[in-house]
């Protein structure tokens, strides 16, 4: 994992611990199924991340952080 990916992993863990990841997904109108399929990750795995039951790890966590960043960017006013 390179430095950029490690920063994303750190962000994924912050998003999971704070509940911000779930809030971003919900504000974007996306279901657990849709986001899990995009990463890809099991729905139960994503649920556990979002509810603080598991710590995001690996490439899927990096993909989740990147997706959430993109969702956040699309919601910002121009």
PDB file of N, CA and C in Angstrom:
ATOM      1  N   UNK A   1       0.857  -1.166   0.000  1.00  0.00           N
ATOM      2  CA  UNK A   1       0.000   0.000   0.000  1.00  0.00           C
ATOM      3  C   UNK A   1       0.909   1.236   0.000  1.00  0.00           C
ATOM      4  N   UNK A   2       0.593   2.168  -0.883  1.00  0.00           N
ATOM      5  CA  UNK A   2       1.412   3.384  -0.960  1.00  0.00           C
ATOM      6  C   UNK A   2       0.910   4.442   0.035  1.00  0.00           C
ATOM      7  N   UNK A   3       1.633   5.558   0.099  1.00  0.00           N
ATOM      8  CA  UNK A   3       1.307   6.598   1.075  1.00  0.00           C
ATOM      9  C   UNK A   3      -0.092   7.166   0.858  1.00  0.00           C
ATOM     10  N   UNK A   4      -0.489   7.377  -0.391  1.00  0.00           N
ATOM     11  CA  UNK A   4      -1.816   7.917  -0.679  1.00  0.00           C
ATOM     12  C   UNK A   4      -2.901   6.954  -0.195  1.00  0.00           C
ATOM     13  N   UNK A   5      -2.692   5.666  -0.426  1.00  0.00           N
ATOM     14  CA  UNK A   5      -3.670   4.675   0.019  1.00  0.00           C
ATOM     15  C   UNK A   5      -3.734   4.603   1.543  1.00  0.00           C
ATOM     16  N   UNK A   6      -2.592   4.760   2.204  1.00  0.00           N
ATOM     17  CA  UNK A   6      -2.598   4.760   3.667  1.00  0.00           C
ATOM     18  C   UNK A   6      -3.383   5.947   4.222  1.00  0.00           C
ATOM     19  N   UNK A   7      -3.270   7.091   3.558  1.00  0.00           N
ATOM     20  CA  UNK A   7      -4.056   8.254   3.975  1.00  0.00           C
ATOM     21  C   UNK A   7      -5.544   7.987   3.795  1.00  0.00           C
ATOM     22  N   UNK A   8      -5.904   7.336   2.698  1.00  0.00           N
ATOM     23  CA  UNK A   8      -7.319   6.986   2.467  1.00  0.00           C
ATOM     24  C   UNK A   8      -7.806   5.986   3.515  1.00  0.00           C
ATOM     25  N   UNK A   9      -6.934   5.042   3.863  1.00  0.00           N
ATOM     26  CA  UNK A   9      -7.296   4.056   4.879  1.00  0.00           C
ATOM     27  C   UNK A   9      -7.545   4.746   6.221  1.00  0.00           C
ATOM     28  N   UNK A  10      -6.699   5.685   6.562  1.00  0.00           N
ATOM     29  CA  UNK A  10      -6.885   6.465   7.784  1.00  0.00           C
ATOM     30  C   UNK A  10      -8.216   7.204   7.748  1.00  0.00           C
ATOM     31  N   UNK A  11      -8.536   7.775   6.597  1.00  0.00           N
ATOM     32  CA  UNK A  11      -9.807   8.488   6.432  1.00  0.00           C
ATOM     33  C   UNK A  11     -10.987   7.525   6.554  1.00  0.00           C
ATOM     34  N   UNK A  12     -10.872   6.335   5.974  1.00  0.00           N
ATOM     35  CA  UNK A  12     -11.946   5.338   6.072  1.00  0.00           C
ATOM     36  C   UNK A  12     -12.213   4.993   7.531  1.00  0.00           C
ATOM     37  N   UNK A  13     -11.160   4.844   8.285  1.00  0.00           N
ATOM     38  CA  UNK A  13     -11.326   4.508   9.701  1.00  0.00           C
ATOM     39  C   UNK A  13     -11.960   5.651  10.480  1.00  0.00           C
ATOM     40  N   UNK A  14     -11.607   6.885  10.136  1.00  0.00           N
ATOM     41  CA  UNK A  14     -12.222   8.036  10.782  1.00  0.00           C
ATOM     42  C   UNK A  14     -13.709   8.120  10.427  1.00  0.00           C
ATOM     43  N   UNK A  15     -14.020   7.897   9.157  1.00  0.00           N
ATOM     44  CA  UNK A  15     -15.404   7.952   8.696  1.00  0.00           C
ATOM     45  C   UNK A  15     -16.259   6.891   9.376  1.00  0.00           C
ATOM     46  N   UNK A  16     -15.690   5.719   9.582  1.00  0.00           N
ATOM     47  CA  UNK A  16     -16.422   4.640  10.242  1.00  0.00           C
ATOM     48  C   UNK A  16     -16.627   4.962  11.726  1.00  0.00           C
ATOM     49  N   UNK A  17     -15.567   5.374  12.395  1.00  0.00           N
ATOM     50  CA  UNK A  17     -15.638   5.632  13.838  1.00  0.00           C
ATOM     51  C   UNK A  17     -16.573   6.786  14.185  1.00  0.00           C
ATOM     52  N   UNK A  18     -16.598   7.792  13.336  1.00  0.00           N
ATOM     53  CA  UNK A  18     -17.415   8.976  13.607  1.00  0.00           C
ATOM     54  C   UNK A  18     -18.870   8.830  13.168  1.00  0.00           C
ATOM     55  N   UNK A  19     -19.134   7.859  12.297  1.00  0.00           N
ATOM     56  CA  UNK A  19     -20.475   7.727  11.734  1.00  0.00           C
ATOM     57  C   UNK A  19     -20.679   8.588  10.496  1.00  0.00           C
ATOM     58  N   UNK A  20     -19.647   9.348  10.114  1.00  0.00           N
ATOM     59  CA  UNK A  20     -19.758  10.224   8.947  1.00  0.00           C
ATOM     60  C   UNK A  20     -19.931   9.436   7.647  1.00  0.00           C
ATOM     61  N   UNK A  21     -19.338   8.256   7.569  1.00  0.00           N
ATOM     62  CA  UNK A  21     -19.475   7.445   6.353  1.00  0.00           C
ATOM     63  C   UNK A  21     -20.930   7.086   6.084  1.00  0.00           C
ATOM     64  N   UNK A  22     -21.610   6.644   7.117  1.00  0.00           N
ATOM     65  CA  UNK A  22     -23.025   6.307   6.993  1.00  0.00           C
ATOM     66  C   UNK A  22     -23.841   7.549   6.639  1.00  0.00           C
ATOM     67  N   UNK A  23     -23.530   8.662   7.282  1.00  0.00           N
ATOM     68  CA  UNK A  23     -24.259   9.909   7.022  1.00  0.00           C
ATOM     69  C   UNK A  23     -24.079  10.360   5.576  1.00  0.00           C
ATOM     70  N   UNK A  24     -22.880  10.237   5.046  1.00  0.00           N
ATOM     71  CA  UNK A  24     -22.614  10.624   3.652  1.00  0.00           C
ATOM     72  C   UNK A  24     -23.404   9.724   2.707  1.00  0.00           C
ATOM     73  N   UNK A  25     -23.383   8.414   2.972  1.00  0.00           N
ATOM     74  CA  UNK A  25     -24.126   7.475   2.119  1.00  0.00           C
ATOM     75  C   UNK A  25     -25.608   7.801   2.138  1.00  0.00           C
ATOM     76  N   UNK A  26     -26.156   7.986   3.322  1.00  0.00           N
ATOM     77  CA  UNK A  26     -27.585   8.271   3.443  1.00  0.00           C
ATOM     78  C   UNK A  26     -27.950   9.599   2.795  1.00  0.00           C
ATOM     79  N   UNK A  27     -27.129  10.628   2.980  1.00  0.00           N
ATOM     80  CA  UNK A  27     -27.394  11.937   2.378  1.00  0.00           C
ATOM     81  C   UNK A  27     -27.347  11.869   0.855  1.00  0.00           C
ATOM     82  N   UNK A  28     -26.602  10.907   0.339  1.00  0.00           N
ATOM     83  CA  UNK A  28     -26.497  10.734  -1.113  1.00  0.00           C
ATOM     84  C   UNK A  28     -27.640   9.898  -1.670  1.00  0.00           C
ATOM     85  N   UNK A  29     -28.445   9.340  -0.782  1.00  0.00           N
ATOM     86  CA  UNK A  29     -29.587   8.543  -1.209  1.00  0.00           C
ATOM     87  C   UNK A  29     -29.223   7.157  -1.690  1.00  0.00           C
ATOM     88  N   UNK A  30     -28.074   6.663  -1.267  1.00  0.00           N
ATOM     89  CA  UNK A  30     -27.631   5.335  -1.692  1.00  0.00           C
ATOM     90  C   UNK A  30     -27.894   4.302  -0.607  1.00  0.00           C
ATOM     91  N   UNK A  31     -28.230   3.102  -1.033  1.00  0.00           N
ATOM     92  CA  UNK A  31     -28.477   2.016  -0.091  1.00  0.00           C
ATOM     93  C   UNK A  31     -27.170   1.312   0.267  1.00  0.00           C
ATOM     94  N   UNK A  32     -27.227   0.543   1.329  1.00  0.00           N
ATOM     95  CA  UNK A  32     -26.081  -0.300   1.688  1.00  0.00           C
ATOM     96  C   UNK A  32     -25.709  -1.212   0.527  1.00  0.00           C
ATOM     97  N   UNK A  33     -26.711  -1.784  -0.126  1.00  0.00           N
ATOM     98  CA  UNK A  33     -26.479  -2.700  -1.239  1.00  0.00           C
ATOM     99  C   UNK A  33     -25.729  -2.014  -2.383  1.00  0.00           C
ATOM    100  N   UNK A  34     -26.133  -0.805  -2.708  1.00  0.00           N
ATOM    101  CA  UNK A  34     -25.493  -0.077  -3.811  1.00  0.00           C
ATOM    102  C   UNK A  34     -24.035   0.235  -3.513  1.00  0.00           C
ATOM    103  N   UNK A  35     -23.766   0.723  -2.317  1.00  0.00           N
ATOM    104  CA  UNK A  35     -22.389   1.076  -1.961  1.00  0.00           C
ATOM    105  C   UNK A  35     -21.538  -0.181  -1.817  1.00  0.00           C
ATOM    106  N   UNK A  36     -22.078  -1.206  -1.181  1.00  0.00           N
ATOM    107  CA  UNK A  36     -21.330  -2.456  -1.019  1.00  0.00           C
ATOM    108  C   UNK A  36     -20.951  -3.050  -2.378  1.00  0.00           C
ATOM    109  N   UNK A  37     -21.863  -2.996  -3.327  1.00  0.00           N
ATOM    110  CA  UNK A  37     -21.578  -3.532  -4.668  1.00  0.00           C
ATOM    111  C   UNK A  37     -20.497  -2.720  -5.369  1.00  0.00           C
ATOM    112  N   UNK A  38     -20.449  -1.431  -5.120  1.00  0.00           N
ATOM    113  CA  UNK A  38     -19.471  -0.560  -5.776  1.00  0.00           C
ATOM    114  C   UNK A  38     -18.062  -0.765  -5.251  1.00  0.00           C
ATOM    115  N   UNK A  39     -17.902  -1.249  -4.026  1.00  0.00           N
ATOM    116  CA  UNK A  39     -16.564  -1.295  -3.415  1.00  0.00           C
ATOM    117  C   UNK A  39     -15.682  -2.413  -3.990  1.00  0.00           C
ATOM    118  N   UNK A  40     -15.976  -3.651  -4.114  1.00  0.00           N
ATOM    119  CA  UNK A  40     -17.082  -4.474  -3.610  1.00  0.00           C
ATOM    120  C   UNK A  40     -16.790  -5.019  -2.207  1.00  0.00           C
ATOM    121  N   UNK A  41     -17.886  -5.127  -1.443  1.00  0.00           N
ATOM    122  CA  UNK A  41     -17.837  -5.635  -0.069  1.00  0.00           C
ATOM    123  C   UNK A  41     -19.208  -6.214   0.226  1.00  0.00           C
ATOM    124  N   UNK A  42     -19.276  -7.145   1.150  1.00  0.00           N
ATOM    125  CA  UNK A  42     -20.586  -7.675   1.518  1.00  0.00           C
ATOM    126  C   UNK A  42     -21.398  -6.581   2.209  1.00  0.00           C
ATOM    127  N   UNK A  43     -22.698  -6.684   2.093  1.00  0.00           N
ATOM    128  CA  UNK A  43     -23.583  -5.720   2.744  1.00  0.00           C
ATOM    129  C   UNK A  43     -23.369  -5.765   4.254  1.00  0.00           C
ATOM    130  N   UNK A  44     -23.222  -6.959   4.797  1.00  0.00           N
ATOM    131  CA  UNK A  44     -23.018  -7.069   6.241  1.00  0.00           C
ATOM    132  C   UNK A  44     -21.683  -6.460   6.659  1.00  0.00           C
ATOM    133  N   UNK A  45     -20.671  -6.586   5.823  1.00  0.00           N
ATOM    134  CA  UNK A  45     -19.378  -5.960   6.121  1.00  0.00           C
ATOM    135  C   UNK A  45     -19.483  -4.447   6.171  1.00  0.00           C
ATOM    136  N   UNK A  46     -20.161  -3.872   5.184  1.00  0.00           N
ATOM    137  CA  UNK A  46     -20.341  -2.417   5.166  1.00  0.00           C
ATOM    138  C   UNK A  46     -21.177  -1.967   6.358  1.00  0.00           C
ATOM    139  N   UNK A  47     -22.217  -2.711   6.665  1.00  0.00           N
ATOM    140  CA  UNK A  47     -23.051  -2.389   7.829  1.00  0.00           C
ATOM    141  C   UNK A  47     -22.197  -2.344   9.094  1.00  0.00           C
ATOM    142  N   UNK A  48     -21.329  -3.321   9.256  1.00  0.00           N
ATOM    143  CA  UNK A  48     -20.463  -3.372  10.448  1.00  0.00           C
ATOM    144  C   UNK A  48     -19.508  -2.187  10.496  1.00  0.00           C
ATOM    145  N   UNK A  49     -18.957  -1.795   9.348  1.00  0.00           N
ATOM    146  CA  UNK A  49     -18.099  -0.605   9.308  1.00  0.00           C
ATOM    147  C   UNK A  49     -18.883   0.618   9.752  1.00  0.00           C
ATOM    148  N   UNK A  50     -20.053   0.801   9.126  1.00  0.00           N
ATOM    149  CA  UNK A  50     -20.847   2.002   9.392  1.00  0.00           C
ATOM    150  C   UNK A  50     -21.333   2.084  10.841  1.00  0.00           C
ATOM    151  N   UNK A  51     -21.468   0.962  11.488  1.00  0.00           N
ATOM    152  CA  UNK A  51     -21.986   0.951  12.853  1.00  0.00           C
ATOM    153  C   UNK A  51     -20.902   0.724  13.897  1.00  0.00           C
ATOM    154  N   UNK A  52     -19.647   0.842  13.485  1.00  0.00           N
ATOM    155  CA  UNK A  52     -18.531   0.764  14.411  1.00  0.00           C
ATOM    156  C   UNK A  52     -18.256  -0.616  14.975  1.00  0.00           C
ATOM    157  N   UNK A  53     -18.800  -1.643  14.345  1.00  0.00           N
ATOM    158  CA  UNK A  53     -18.584  -3.002  14.819  1.00  0.00           C
ATOM    159  C   UNK A  53     -17.275  -3.596  14.298  1.00  0.00           C
ATOM    160  N   UNK A  54     -16.786  -3.078  13.181  1.00  0.00           N
ATOM    161  CA  UNK A  54     -15.529  -3.532  12.575  1.00  0.00           C
ATOM    162  C   UNK A  54     -14.734  -2.333  12.110  1.00  0.00           C
ATOM    163  N   UNK A  55     -13.428  -2.492  12.095  1.00  0.00           N
ATOM    164  CA  UNK A  55     -12.530  -1.449  11.613  1.00  0.00           C
ATOM    165  C   UNK A  55     -12.270  -1.700  10.129  1.00  0.00           C
ATOM    166  N   UNK A  56     -12.500  -0.711   9.262  1.00  0.00           N
ATOM    167  CA  UNK A  56     -12.210  -0.882   7.837  1.00  0.00           C
ATOM    168  C   UNK A  56     -10.730  -1.192   7.617  1.00  0.00           C
ATOM    169  N   UNK A  57     -10.484  -2.162   6.724  1.00  0.00           N
ATOM    170  CA  UNK A  57      -9.120  -2.577   6.422  1.00  0.00           C
ATOM    171  C   UNK A  57      -8.974  -2.851   4.936  1.00  0.00           C
ATOM    172  N   UNK A  58      -7.751  -2.715   4.463  1.00  0.00           N
ATOM    173  CA  UNK A  58      -7.400  -3.145   3.123  1.00  0.00           C
ATOM    174  C   UNK A  58      -7.905  -2.267   1.992  1.00  0.00           C
ATOM    175  N   UNK A  59      -7.802  -2.830   0.801  1.00  0.00           N
ATOM    176  CA  UNK A  59      -8.138  -2.095  -0.418  1.00  0.00           C
ATOM    177  C   UNK A  59      -9.603  -1.704  -0.488  1.00  0.00           C
ATOM    178  N   UNK A  60     -10.479  -2.518   0.073  1.00  0.00           N
ATOM    179  CA  UNK A  60     -11.903  -2.170   0.060  1.00  0.00           C
ATOM    180  C   UNK A  60     -12.174  -0.941   0.918  1.00  0.00           C
ATOM    181  N   UNK A  61     -11.465  -0.807   2.011  1.00  0.00           N
ATOM    182  CA  UNK A  61     -11.611   0.383   2.846  1.00  0.00           C
ATOM    183  C   UNK A  61     -11.136   1.615   2.099  1.00  0.00           C
ATOM    184  N   UNK A  62     -10.040   1.475   1.353  1.00  0.00           N
ATOM    185  CA  UNK A  62      -9.532   2.577   0.531  1.00  0.00           C
ATOM    186  C   UNK A  62     -10.571   2.949  -0.520  1.00  0.00           C
ATOM    187  N   UNK A  63     -11.171   1.948  -1.169  1.00  0.00           N
ATOM    188  CA  UNK A  63     -12.198   2.203  -2.187  1.00  0.00           C
ATOM    189  C   UNK A  63     -13.409   2.894  -1.576  1.00  0.00           C
ATOM    190  N   UNK A  64     -13.782   2.503  -0.369  1.00  0.00           N
ATOM    191  CA  UNK A  64     -14.917   3.123   0.326  1.00  0.00           C
ATOM    192  C   UNK A  64     -14.632   4.586   0.616  1.00  0.00           C
ATOM    193  N   UNK A  65     -13.440   4.882   1.125  1.00  0.00           N
ATOM    194  CA  UNK A  65     -13.072   6.271   1.415  1.00  0.00           C
ATOM    195  C   UNK A  65     -13.075   7.114   0.148  1.00  0.00           C
ATOM    196  N   UNK A  66     -12.575   6.559  -0.947  1.00  0.00           N
ATOM    197  CA  UNK A  66     -12.563   7.287  -2.221  1.00  0.00           C
ATOM    198  C   UNK A  66     -13.981   7.561  -2.709  1.00  0.00           C
ATOM    199  N   UNK A  67     -14.852   6.563  -2.603  1.00  0.00           N
ATOM    200  CA  UNK A  67     -16.244   6.737  -3.022  1.00  0.00           C
ATOM    201  C   UNK A  67     -16.923   7.809  -2.174  1.00  0.00           C
ATOM    202  N   UNK A  68     -16.735   7.758  -0.864  1.00  0.00           N
ATOM    203  CA  UNK A  68     -17.349   8.757   0.011  1.00  0.00           C
ATOM    204  C   UNK A  68     -16.826  10.152  -0.281  1.00  0.00           C
ATOM    205  N   UNK A  69     -15.548  10.255  -0.594  1.00  0.00           N
ATOM    206  CA  UNK A  69     -14.986  11.564  -0.960  1.00  0.00           C
ATOM    207  C   UNK A  69     -15.648  12.095  -2.229  1.00  0.00           C
ATOM    208  N   UNK A  70     -15.848  11.231  -3.206  1.00  0.00           N
ATOM    209  CA  UNK A  70     -16.502  11.643  -4.453  1.00  0.00           C
ATOM    210  C   UNK A  70     -17.949  12.040  -4.199  1.00  0.00           C
ATOM    211  N   UNK A  71     -18.643  11.292  -3.356  1.00  0.00           N
ATOM    212  CA  UNK A  71     -20.027  11.637  -3.025  1.00  0.00           C
ATOM    213  C   UNK A  71     -20.099  12.987  -2.323  1.00  0.00           C
ATOM    214  N   UNK A  72     -19.161  13.241  -1.442  1.00  0.00           N
ATOM    215  CA  UNK A  72     -19.105  14.524  -0.738  1.00  0.00           C
ATOM    216  C   UNK A  72     -18.833  15.659  -1.716  1.00  0.00           C
ATOM    217  N   UNK A  73     -17.933  15.438  -2.647  1.00  0.00           N
ATOM    218  CA  UNK A  73     -17.573  16.469  -3.631  1.00  0.00           C
ATOM    219  C   UNK A  73     -18.765  16.809  -4.526  1.00  0.00           C
ATOM    220  N   UNK A  74     -19.589  15.836  -4.848  1.00  0.00           N
ATOM    221  CA  UNK A  74     -20.738  16.100  -5.716  1.00  0.00           C
ATOM    222  C   UNK A  74     -21.838  16.869  -5.003  1.00  0.00           C
ATOM    223  N   UNK A  75     -21.782  16.880  -3.670  1.00  0.00           N
ATOM    224  CA  UNK A  75     -22.805  17.574  -2.886  1.00  0.00           C
ATOM    225  C   UNK A  75     -22.412  19.004  -2.550  1.00  0.00           C
ATOM    226  N   UNK A  76     -21.156  19.356  -2.771  1.00  0.00           N
ATOM    227  CA  UNK A  76     -20.694  20.723  -2.468  1.00  0.00           C
ATOM    228  C   UNK A  76     -21.248  21.718  -3.475  1.00  0.00           C
ATOM    229  N   UNK A  77     -21.649  22.886  -3.005  1.00  0.00           N
ATOM    230  CA  UNK A  77     -22.135  23.909  -3.943  1.00  0.00           C
ATOM    231  C   UNK A  77     -20.996  24.407  -4.832  1.00  0.00           C
ATOM    232  N   UNK A  78     -21.319  24.721  -6.065  1.00  0.00           N
ATOM    233  CA  UNK A  78     -20.297  25.202  -7.021  1.00  0.00           C
ATOM    234  C   UNK A  78     -19.974  26.653  -6.814  1.00  0.00           C
TER     235      UNK A  78
END
